[in-house]
């Protein structure tokens, strides 16, 4: 978080609690096959 504080010019007594990154990826990953498997779904039983 020190690099974050330095980049935004924040004083030392301010502690960033979270970092949220917004934007779009430079490339789109290939889509995976759906992982849903009906055999693995249990309805009211084990």
N, C-alpha and C. Protein backbone atom coordinates (compact mmCIF):
# COMPACT_ATOMS: atom_id res chain seq x y z
N UNK A 1 0.81 -1.19 0.00
CA UNK A 1 0.00 0.00 0.00
C UNK A 1 0.86 1.27 0.00
N UNK A 2 2.15 1.12 0.29
CA UNK A 2 3.01 2.30 0.27
C UNK A 2 3.10 2.89 -1.13
N UNK A 3 3.15 2.03 -2.15
CA UNK A 3 3.19 2.53 -3.53
C UNK A 3 1.89 3.25 -3.87
N UNK A 4 0.78 2.74 -3.38
CA UNK A 4 -0.53 3.37 -3.60
C UNK A 4 -0.55 4.75 -2.95
N UNK A 5 -0.09 4.81 -1.71
CA UNK A 5 -0.06 6.08 -0.98
C UNK A 5 0.84 7.08 -1.70
N UNK A 6 1.99 6.62 -2.17
CA UNK A 6 2.93 7.50 -2.85
C UNK A 6 2.36 7.98 -4.19
N UNK A 7 1.73 7.08 -4.95
CA UNK A 7 1.17 7.44 -6.25
C UNK A 7 0.11 8.54 -6.13
N UNK A 8 -0.73 8.43 -5.09
CA UNK A 8 -1.81 9.40 -4.92
C UNK A 8 -1.42 10.57 -4.02
N UNK A 9 -0.16 10.58 -3.55
CA UNK A 9 0.31 11.69 -2.74
C UNK A 9 -0.38 11.78 -1.39
N UNK A 10 -0.68 10.64 -0.79
CA UNK A 10 -1.37 10.63 0.50
C UNK A 10 -0.37 10.78 1.63
N UNK A 11 -0.73 11.49 2.69
CA UNK A 11 0.17 11.63 3.84
C UNK A 11 0.33 10.30 4.58
N UNK A 12 1.40 10.18 5.36
CA UNK A 12 1.71 8.94 6.09
C UNK A 12 0.64 8.58 7.13
N UNK A 13 -0.07 9.57 7.66
CA UNK A 13 -1.06 9.27 8.70
C UNK A 13 -2.39 8.78 8.13
N UNK A 14 -2.52 8.70 6.83
CA UNK A 14 -3.73 8.17 6.18
C UNK A 14 -3.43 6.75 5.72
N UNK A 15 -4.25 5.80 6.15
CA UNK A 15 -4.04 4.40 5.79
C UNK A 15 -5.15 3.96 4.84
N UNK A 16 -4.83 3.71 3.57
CA UNK A 16 -5.86 3.21 2.65
C UNK A 16 -6.30 1.81 3.09
N UNK A 17 -7.60 1.57 3.08
CA UNK A 17 -8.14 0.30 3.55
C UNK A 17 -8.47 -0.65 2.41
N UNK A 18 -8.67 -0.13 1.22
CA UNK A 18 -9.04 -0.99 0.10
C UNK A 18 -8.64 -0.31 -1.20
N UNK A 19 -8.48 -1.11 -2.22
CA UNK A 19 -8.14 -0.62 -3.55
C UNK A 19 -9.08 -1.31 -4.53
N UNK A 20 -9.83 -0.53 -5.26
CA UNK A 20 -10.78 -1.08 -6.23
C UNK A 20 -10.28 -0.71 -7.62
N UNK A 21 -10.06 -1.70 -8.44
CA UNK A 21 -9.56 -1.48 -9.79
C UNK A 21 -10.72 -1.56 -10.77
N UNK A 22 -10.86 -0.52 -11.59
CA UNK A 22 -11.93 -0.47 -12.58
C UNK A 22 -11.31 -0.40 -13.96
N UNK A 23 -11.98 -1.00 -14.93
CA UNK A 23 -11.48 -0.92 -16.30
C UNK A 23 -11.77 -2.19 -17.07
N UNK A 24 -11.17 -2.29 -18.22
CA UNK A 24 -11.35 -3.43 -19.10
C UNK A 24 -10.00 -4.12 -19.29
N UNK A 25 -10.00 -5.45 -19.43
CA UNK A 25 -8.73 -6.14 -19.66
C UNK A 25 -8.19 -5.82 -21.05
N UNK A 26 -6.88 -5.91 -21.21
CA UNK A 26 -6.24 -5.64 -22.49
C UNK A 26 -6.60 -6.72 -23.51
N UNK A 27 -6.88 -7.90 -23.03
CA UNK A 27 -7.26 -8.99 -23.94
C UNK A 27 -8.38 -9.80 -23.29
N UNK A 28 -9.17 -10.45 -24.10
CA UNK A 28 -10.27 -11.25 -23.59
C UNK A 28 -9.83 -12.72 -23.48
N UNK A 29 -9.97 -13.31 -22.30
CA UNK A 29 -9.59 -14.72 -22.16
C UNK A 29 -10.58 -15.61 -22.91
N UNK A 30 -10.13 -16.77 -23.30
CA UNK A 30 -11.02 -17.72 -23.96
C UNK A 30 -12.06 -18.20 -22.95
N UNK A 31 -13.28 -18.37 -23.41
CA UNK A 31 -14.35 -18.83 -22.53
C UNK A 31 -14.19 -20.32 -22.25
N UNK A 32 -14.38 -20.68 -21.00
CA UNK A 32 -14.32 -22.08 -20.62
C UNK A 32 -15.67 -22.74 -20.90
N UNK A 33 -15.63 -24.04 -21.02
CA UNK A 33 -16.88 -24.79 -21.17
C UNK A 33 -17.65 -24.67 -19.86
N UNK A 34 -18.98 -24.64 -19.91
CA UNK A 34 -19.76 -24.55 -18.67
C UNK A 34 -19.41 -25.70 -17.73
N UNK A 35 -19.30 -25.39 -16.44
CA UNK A 35 -18.92 -26.40 -15.46
C UNK A 35 -20.13 -27.03 -14.78
N UNK A 36 -21.33 -26.64 -15.18
CA UNK A 36 -22.53 -27.21 -14.58
C UNK A 36 -22.65 -28.67 -14.97
N UNK A 37 -22.84 -29.52 -13.97
CA UNK A 37 -23.02 -30.95 -14.20
C UNK A 37 -24.25 -31.38 -13.42
N UNK A 38 -25.32 -31.74 -14.12
CA UNK A 38 -26.58 -32.10 -13.48
C UNK A 38 -26.41 -33.26 -12.51
N UNK A 39 -25.45 -34.15 -12.78
CA UNK A 39 -25.22 -35.29 -11.90
C UNK A 39 -24.70 -34.86 -10.53
N UNK A 40 -24.14 -33.66 -10.42
CA UNK A 40 -23.59 -33.20 -9.15
C UNK A 40 -24.58 -32.39 -8.33
N UNK A 41 -25.78 -32.18 -8.84
CA UNK A 41 -26.79 -31.41 -8.13
C UNK A 41 -27.67 -32.38 -7.35
N UNK A 42 -27.81 -32.12 -6.05
CA UNK A 42 -28.62 -32.99 -5.20
C UNK A 42 -29.84 -32.22 -4.73
N UNK A 43 -30.99 -32.80 -4.86
CA UNK A 43 -32.23 -32.17 -4.46
C UNK A 43 -32.77 -32.84 -3.21
N UNK A 44 -32.62 -32.18 -2.08
CA UNK A 44 -33.15 -32.62 -0.79
C UNK A 44 -32.63 -33.99 -0.37
N UNK A 45 -31.45 -34.36 -0.79
CA UNK A 45 -30.84 -35.63 -0.39
C UNK A 45 -29.34 -35.57 -0.68
N UNK A 46 -28.62 -36.50 -0.11
CA UNK A 46 -27.18 -36.60 -0.36
C UNK A 46 -27.02 -37.63 -1.42
